[in-house]
C-alpha atoms as a PDB file:
ATOM      1  CA  MET A   1    -134.370  51.980-127.263  1.00  0.00           C
ATOM      2  CA  SER A   2    -133.933  50.375-123.893  1.00  0.00           C
ATOM      3  CA  ASP A   3    -130.651  49.752-122.117  1.00  0.00           C
ATOM      4  CA  THR A   4    -130.941  45.982-122.493  1.00  0.00           C
ATOM      5  CA  PRO A   5    -128.669  44.564-125.177  1.00  0.00           C
ATOM      6  CA  VAL A   6    -130.361  43.325-128.329  1.00  0.00           C
ATOM      7  CA  SER A   7    -129.141  40.108-129.897  1.00  0.00           C
ATOM      8  CA  PRO A   8    -127.637  40.360-133.379  1.00  0.00           C
ATOM      9  CA  ALA A   9    -130.322  38.050-134.790  1.00  0.00           C
ATOM     10  CA  VAL A  10    -133.103  40.398-133.661  1.00  0.00           C
ATOM     11  CA  ARG A  11    -131.252  43.363-135.103  1.00  0.00           C
ATOM     12  CA  TYR A  12    -130.804  41.628-138.474  1.00  0.00           C
ATOM     13  CA  VAL A  13    -134.510  40.773-138.576  1.00  0.00           C
ATOM     14  CA  ALA A  14    -135.304  44.433-137.885  1.00  0.00           C
ATOM     15  CA  TYR A  15    -133.016  45.496-140.742  1.00  0.00           C
ATOM     16  CA  ALA A  16    -134.694  43.005-143.105  1.00  0.00           C
ATOM     17  CA  LEU A  17    -138.139  44.280-142.102  1.00  0.00           C
ATOM     18  CA  LEU A  18    -137.028  47.868-142.685  1.00  0.00           C
ATOM     19  CA  LEU A  19    -135.736  46.877-146.129  1.00  0.00           C
ATOM     20  CA  VAL A  20    -139.118  45.382-147.048  1.00  0.00           C
ATOM     21  CA  LEU A  21    -140.977  48.333-145.519  1.00  0.00           C
ATOM     22  CA  GLY A  22    -138.779  50.686-147.551  1.00  0.00           C
ATOM     23  CA  ALA A  23    -139.787  48.850-150.733  1.00  0.00           C
ATOM     24  CA  LEU A  24    -143.459  49.111-149.799  1.00  0.00           C
ATOM     25  CA  VAL A  25    -143.259  52.825-148.991  1.00  0.00           C
ATOM     26  CA  GLY A  26    -141.332  53.435-152.210  1.00  0.00           C
ATOM     27  CA  THR A  27    -143.983  51.654-154.248  1.00  0.00           C
ATOM     28  CA  ALA A  28    -146.872  53.422-152.543  1.00  0.00           C
ATOM     29  CA  GLY A  29    -145.126  56.795-152.760  1.00  0.00           C
ATOM     30  CA  SER A  30    -144.423  56.316-156.459  1.00  0.00           C
ATOM     31  CA  LEU A  31    -148.099  55.734-157.135  1.00  0.00           C
ATOM     32  CA  VAL A  32    -149.479  58.421-154.827  1.00  0.00           C
ATOM     33  CA  GLN A  33    -147.136  61.246-155.787  1.00  0.00           C
ATOM     34  CA  ALA A  34    -148.253  61.159-159.413  1.00  0.00           C
ATOM     35  CA  ALA A  35    -151.923  60.521-158.735  1.00  0.00           C
ATOM     36  CA  TRP A  36    -152.655  63.438-156.399  1.00  0.00           C
ATOM     37  CA  PHE A  37    -150.053  66.041-157.330  1.00  0.00           C
ATOM     38  CA  PRO A  38    -149.000  68.185-155.381  1.00  0.00           C
ATOM     39  CA  PHE A  39    -150.575  66.820-152.188  1.00  0.00           C
ATOM     40  CA  GLY A  40    -149.661  63.252-153.132  1.00  0.00           C
ATOM     41  CA  LEU A  41    -146.036  64.304-153.426  1.00  0.00           C
ATOM     42  CA  LEU A  42    -146.158  65.865-149.980  1.00  0.00           C
ATOM     43  CA  LEU A  43    -147.817  62.759-148.539  1.00  0.00           C
ATOM     44  CA  ALA A  44    -145.256  60.468-150.178  1.00  0.00           C
ATOM     45  CA  LEU A  45    -142.343  62.515-148.845  1.00  0.00           C
ATOM     46  CA  LEU A  46    -143.854  62.628-145.346  1.00  0.00           C
ATOM     47  CA  ALA A  47    -144.251  58.841-145.365  1.00  0.00           C
ATOM     48  CA  THR A  48    -140.675  58.476-146.577  1.00  0.00           C
ATOM     49  CA  ALA A  49    -139.368  60.769-143.833  1.00  0.00           C
ATOM     50  CA  ALA A  50    -141.376  58.874-141.213  1.00  0.00           C
ATOM     51  CA  LEU A  51    -139.942  55.579-142.435  1.00  0.00           C
ATOM     52  CA  PHE A  52    -136.351  56.791-142.334  1.00  0.00           C
ATOM     53  CA  TYR A  53    -136.661  58.477-138.957  1.00  0.00           C
ATOM     54  CA  GLY A  54    -138.563  55.478-137.583  1.00  0.00           C
ATOM     55  CA  GLY A  55    -135.766  53.186-138.769  1.00  0.00           C
ATOM     56  CA  LEU A  56    -133.255  55.361-136.961  1.00  0.00           C
ATOM     57  CA  ARG A  57    -135.240  55.419-133.724  1.00  0.00           C
ATOM     58  CA  ALA A  58    -136.243  51.738-133.812  1.00  0.00           C
ATOM     59  CA  THR A  59    -132.738  50.387-134.280  1.00  0.00           C
ATOM     60  CA  GLY A  60    -130.782  53.189-132.658  1.00  0.00           C
ATOM     61  CA  THR A  61    -128.236  53.102-135.472  1.00  0.00           C
ATOM     62  CA  GLN A  62    -127.797  54.665-138.878  1.00  0.00           C
ATOM     63  CA  VAL A  63    -127.921  51.181-140.397  1.00  0.00           C
ATOM     64  CA  GLY A  64    -131.690  51.255-139.821  1.00  0.00           C
ATOM     65  CA  VAL A  65    -131.910  54.320-142.079  1.00  0.00           C
ATOM     66  CA  PHE A  66    -129.668  52.680-144.675  1.00  0.00           C
ATOM     67  CA  ALA A  67    -131.763  49.493-144.688  1.00  0.00           C
ATOM     68  CA  ALA A  68    -135.022  51.394-145.170  1.00  0.00           C
ATOM     69  CA  GLY A  69    -133.388  53.770-147.651  1.00  0.00           C
ATOM     70  CA  GLY A  70    -131.899  50.911-149.643  1.00  0.00           C
ATOM     71  CA  GLY A  71    -135.259  49.229-150.086  1.00  0.00           C
ATOM     72  CA  TRP A  72    -136.872  52.540-150.965  1.00  0.00           C
ATOM     73  CA  LEU A  73    -134.189  53.590-153.462  1.00  0.00           C
ATOM     74  CA  VAL A  74    -133.986  50.258-155.295  1.00  0.00           C
ATOM     75  CA  THR A  75    -137.764  50.146-155.642  1.00  0.00           C
ATOM     76  CA  VAL A  76    -138.074  53.727-156.896  1.00  0.00           C
ATOM     77  CA  ILE A  77    -135.249  53.213-159.412  1.00  0.00           C
ATOM     78  CA  LEU A  78    -136.751  49.947-160.682  1.00  0.00           C
ATOM     79  CA  LEU A  79    -140.168  51.569-161.049  1.00  0.00           C
ATOM     80  CA  SER A  80    -138.677  54.488-162.950  1.00  0.00           C
ATOM     81  CA  LEU A  81    -137.036  52.211-165.528  1.00  0.00           C
ATOM     82  CA  GLY A  82    -140.294  50.916-166.953  1.00  0.00           C
ATOM     83  CA  ARG A  83    -140.691  48.007-169.336  1.00  0.00           C
ATOM     84  CA  PRO A  84    -139.386  47.509-172.878  1.00  0.00           C
ATOM     85  CA  GLU A  85    -142.891  48.170-174.198  1.00  0.00           C
ATOM     86  CA  GLY A  86    -142.689  51.704-172.854  1.00  0.00           C
ATOM     87  CA  ASP A  87    -144.967  51.294-169.842  1.00  0.00           C
ATOM     88  CA  GLY A  88    -143.717  52.830-166.628  1.00  0.00           C
ATOM     89  CA  VAL A  89    -144.935  54.166-163.321  1.00  0.00           C
ATOM     90  CA  PHE A  90    -143.212  57.514-163.770  1.00  0.00           C
ATOM     91  CA  GLY A  91    -144.358  59.670-166.634  1.00  0.00           C
ATOM     92  CA  GLY A  92    -141.385  62.002-166.468  1.00  0.00           C
ATOM     93  CA  GLY A  93    -141.660  65.410-164.916  1.00  0.00           C
ATOM     94  CA  GLY A  94    -140.816  67.602-161.977  1.00  0.00           C
ATOM     95  CA  GLY A  95    -142.869  65.692-159.417  1.00  0.00           C
ATOM     96  CA  GLU A  96    -141.002  62.458-160.034  1.00  0.00           C
ATOM     97  CA  LEU A  97    -137.642  64.170-159.705  1.00  0.00           C
ATOM     98  CA  LEU A  98    -138.726  65.915-156.509  1.00  0.00           C
ATOM     99  CA  PHE A  99    -139.835  62.579-155.078  1.00  0.00           C
ATOM    100  CA  LEU A 100    -136.564  60.857-156.007  1.00  0.00           C
ATOM    101  CA  PHE A 101    -134.156  63.587-154.913  1.00  0.00           C
ATOM    102  CA  GLY A 102    -136.294  64.652-151.954  1.00  0.00           C
ATOM    103  CA  GLY A 103    -136.378  61.095-150.664  1.00  0.00           C
ATOM    104  CA  MET A 104    -132.630  60.746-151.003  1.00  0.00           C
ATOM    105  CA  ALA A 105    -132.121  64.045-149.184  1.00  0.00           C
ATOM    106  CA  LEU A 106    -134.419  62.876-146.384  1.00  0.00           C
ATOM    107  CA  ALA A 107    -132.409  59.667-146.030  1.00  0.00           C
ATOM    108  CA  VAL A 108    -129.171  61.626-145.715  1.00  0.00           C
ATOM    109  CA  MET A 109    -130.716  64.009-143.183  1.00  0.00           C
ATOM    110  CA  CYS A 110    -132.021  61.160-141.025  1.00  0.00           C
ATOM    111  CA  ALA A 111    -128.728  59.265-141.243  1.00  0.00           C
ATOM    112  CA  THR A 112    -126.752  62.292-140.071  1.00  0.00           C
ATOM    113  CA  LEU A 113    -129.008  63.235-137.157  1.00  0.00           C
ATOM    114  CA  PRO A 114    -127.101  63.289-133.902  1.00  0.00           C
ATOM    115  CA  ARG A 115    -127.867  60.578-131.436  1.00  0.00           C
ATOM    116  CA  LEU A 116    -129.667  61.698-128.337  1.00  0.00           C
ATOM    117  CA  ALA A 117    -127.820  61.190-125.082  1.00  0.00           C
ATOM    118  CA  ARG A 118    -129.326  58.523-122.893  1.00  0.00           C
ATOM    119  CA  PRO A 119    -130.573  59.802-119.557  1.00  0.00           C
ATOM    120  CA  THR A 120    -128.535  58.683-116.593  1.00  0.00           C
ATOM    121  CA  PRO A 121    -130.471  57.230-113.661  1.00  0.00           C
END
């Protein structure tokens, strides 16, 4: 992040984009983690960690992690509910729980990372 101030409108657009990107990563991770277990689970969690850490670095605030994490969490929860007919993305098992709880743990870890001190000229 540069030293130039960012307008609030640009910051809000970045948060909205992170929310949408979180939903996309949550959807892709939900599909991949079950399809290629256990490597799909690892890939999905790596993508989730990259999203959360990228949100932190791109915005410079923890709100970037919360925006990406909110989109991710809502999407994963909605996909786990399924439909009244019984169809669902998650089949129920250890991999799905590891993806859900692992992703939440990654969001908390990225949100609590200390901020790096800016170098003084």
